[in-house]
């Protein structure tokens, strides 16, 4: 991951964190950055200072989930069930 990809509301994962972390703030510190984030499960605040190698090991999730699913499967899931008397 590159520094450019990090921005508030992005969710990051990696061995550095015990859970997915939502980015709140990024503070540049020379060749490193301070990432302030909140755990998505625990709500715990994390404030690690990450160097370039640590940053490369992080994975990000998109801010918004893509709508790339199969519309046929969606329609099947939304159909009323005949067996339920609906």
C-alpha atoms as a PDB file:
ATOM      1  CA  UNK A   1       0.000   0.000   0.000  1.00  0.00           C
ATOM      2  CA  UNK A   2       1.150   3.504  -0.698  1.00  0.00           C
ATOM      3  CA  UNK A   3       0.728   6.545   1.488  1.00  0.00           C
ATOM      4  CA  UNK A   4      -1.494   8.094  -1.228  1.00  0.00           C
ATOM      5  CA  UNK A   5      -4.084   5.339  -0.737  1.00  0.00           C
ATOM      6  CA  UNK A   6      -4.535   6.114   2.952  1.00  0.00           C
ATOM      7  CA  UNK A   7      -7.267   8.581   3.768  1.00  0.00           C
ATOM      8  CA  UNK A   8      -9.911   9.003   6.464  1.00  0.00           C
ATOM      9  CA  UNK A   9     -12.705   6.394   6.499  1.00  0.00           C
ATOM     10  CA  UNK A  10     -10.540   3.799   4.728  1.00  0.00           C
ATOM     11  CA  UNK A  11     -10.385   0.462   6.552  1.00  0.00           C
ATOM     12  CA  UNK A  12      -6.938  -1.148   6.830  1.00  0.00           C
ATOM     13  CA  UNK A  13      -5.885  -4.664   7.826  1.00  0.00           C
ATOM     14  CA  UNK A  14      -2.521  -6.194   8.559  1.00  0.00           C
ATOM     15  CA  UNK A  15      -0.364  -8.031  11.077  1.00  0.00           C
ATOM     16  CA  UNK A  16       0.265  -4.710  12.836  1.00  0.00           C
ATOM     17  CA  UNK A  17      -3.354  -4.590  14.017  1.00  0.00           C
ATOM     18  CA  UNK A  18      -5.341  -7.311  15.815  1.00  0.00           C
ATOM     19  CA  UNK A  19      -8.521  -6.224  13.988  1.00  0.00           C
ATOM     20  CA  UNK A  20      -9.596  -4.126  10.979  1.00  0.00           C
ATOM     21  CA  UNK A  21      -8.979  -0.433  11.698  1.00  0.00           C
ATOM     22  CA  UNK A  22     -10.850   2.545  10.247  1.00  0.00           C
ATOM     23  CA  UNK A  23      -8.461   5.416   9.511  1.00  0.00           C
ATOM     24  CA  UNK A  24      -9.300   8.659  11.317  1.00  0.00           C
ATOM     25  CA  UNK A  25      -6.170  10.744  10.653  1.00  0.00           C
ATOM     26  CA  UNK A  26      -2.812  10.473   8.881  1.00  0.00           C
ATOM     27  CA  UNK A  27       0.134  12.551  10.116  1.00  0.00           C
ATOM     28  CA  UNK A  28       3.283  12.613   7.918  1.00  0.00           C
ATOM     29  CA  UNK A  29       6.502  12.288   9.961  1.00  0.00           C
ATOM     30  CA  UNK A  30       9.436  12.453   7.563  1.00  0.00           C
ATOM     31  CA  UNK A  31       9.799   9.004   5.943  1.00  0.00           C
ATOM     32  CA  UNK A  32       7.133   7.569   8.247  1.00  0.00           C
ATOM     33  CA  UNK A  33       3.505   8.304   9.030  1.00  0.00           C
ATOM     34  CA  UNK A  34       1.452   8.250  12.185  1.00  0.00           C
ATOM     35  CA  UNK A  35      -1.853   6.520  11.552  1.00  0.00           C
ATOM     36  CA  UNK A  36      -4.647   7.276  13.999  1.00  0.00           C
ATOM     37  CA  UNK A  37      -7.446   4.753  13.649  1.00  0.00           C
ATOM     38  CA  UNK A  38     -10.305   3.076  15.450  1.00  0.00           C
ATOM     39  CA  UNK A  39     -10.834  -0.689  15.644  1.00  0.00           C
ATOM     40  CA  UNK A  40     -14.014  -1.707  13.839  1.00  0.00           C
ATOM     41  CA  UNK A  41     -14.842  -4.413  16.398  1.00  0.00           C
ATOM     42  CA  UNK A  42     -13.533  -3.101  19.720  1.00  0.00           C
ATOM     43  CA  UNK A  43     -13.629   0.654  19.148  1.00  0.00           C
ATOM     44  CA  UNK A  44     -10.067   0.814  20.516  1.00  0.00           C
ATOM     45  CA  UNK A  45      -7.917   3.681  19.212  1.00  0.00           C
ATOM     46  CA  UNK A  46      -4.608   2.754  17.544  1.00  0.00           C
ATOM     47  CA  UNK A  47      -1.807   5.264  16.910  1.00  0.00           C
ATOM     48  CA  UNK A  48       1.185   3.439  15.385  1.00  0.00           C
ATOM     49  CA  UNK A  49       4.037   5.160  13.581  1.00  0.00           C
ATOM     50  CA  UNK A  50       4.571   3.190  10.381  1.00  0.00           C
ATOM     51  CA  UNK A  51       7.614   3.109   8.129  1.00  0.00           C
ATOM     52  CA  UNK A  52       7.454   2.362   4.406  1.00  0.00           C
ATOM     53  CA  UNK A  53       7.938  -1.409   4.825  1.00  0.00           C
ATOM     54  CA  UNK A  54       5.145  -1.655   7.396  1.00  0.00           C
ATOM     55  CA  UNK A  55       2.876   0.447   5.225  1.00  0.00           C
ATOM     56  CA  UNK A  56       3.435  -1.875   2.246  1.00  0.00           C
ATOM     57  CA  UNK A  57       2.130  -4.826   4.294  1.00  0.00           C
ATOM     58  CA  UNK A  58      -1.255  -3.206   4.968  1.00  0.00           C
ATOM     59  CA  UNK A  59      -4.340  -3.998   2.901  1.00  0.00           C
ATOM     60  CA  UNK A  60      -7.223  -1.578   2.410  1.00  0.00           C
ATOM     61  CA  UNK A  61     -10.936  -2.010   1.905  1.00  0.00           C
ATOM     62  CA  UNK A  62     -12.899   0.413  -0.251  1.00  0.00           C
ATOM     63  CA  UNK A  63     -14.764   3.239   1.454  1.00  0.00           C
ATOM     64  CA  UNK A  64     -17.964   2.027  -0.184  1.00  0.00           C
ATOM     65  CA  UNK A  65     -18.747  -1.545  -1.143  1.00  0.00           C
ATOM     66  CA  UNK A  66     -18.882  -2.041  -4.908  1.00  0.00           C
ATOM     67  CA  UNK A  67     -22.214  -3.004  -6.455  1.00  0.00           C
ATOM     68  CA  UNK A  68     -20.851  -5.666  -8.758  1.00  0.00           C
ATOM     69  CA  UNK A  69     -23.089  -8.577  -7.753  1.00  0.00           C
ATOM     70  CA  UNK A  70     -25.221 -10.707 -10.045  1.00  0.00           C
ATOM     71  CA  UNK A  71     -28.659  -9.101 -10.367  1.00  0.00           C
ATOM     72  CA  UNK A  72     -30.274 -12.504 -11.079  1.00  0.00           C
ATOM     73  CA  UNK A  73     -29.221 -13.774  -7.651  1.00  0.00           C
ATOM     74  CA  UNK A  74     -30.559 -10.627  -6.014  1.00  0.00           C
ATOM     75  CA  UNK A  75     -33.944 -11.052  -7.671  1.00  0.00           C
ATOM     76  CA  UNK A  76     -34.128 -14.695  -6.585  1.00  0.00           C
ATOM     77  CA  UNK A  77     -33.466 -13.645  -3.008  1.00  0.00           C
ATOM     78  CA  UNK A  78     -36.170 -10.975  -3.129  1.00  0.00           C
ATOM     79  CA  UNK A  79     -38.910 -13.215  -4.582  1.00  0.00           C
ATOM     80  CA  UNK A  80     -41.740 -14.122  -2.204  1.00  0.00           C
ATOM     81  CA  UNK A  81     -41.719 -17.728  -1.066  1.00  0.00           C
ATOM     82  CA  UNK A  82     -44.721 -19.768  -2.202  1.00  0.00           C
ATOM     83  CA  UNK A  83     -44.145 -22.303   0.575  1.00  0.00           C
ATOM     84  CA  UNK A  84     -44.338 -19.592   3.267  1.00  0.00           C
ATOM     85  CA  UNK A  85     -47.821 -18.577   2.228  1.00  0.00           C
ATOM     86  CA  UNK A  86     -46.677 -15.127   1.135  1.00  0.00           C
END
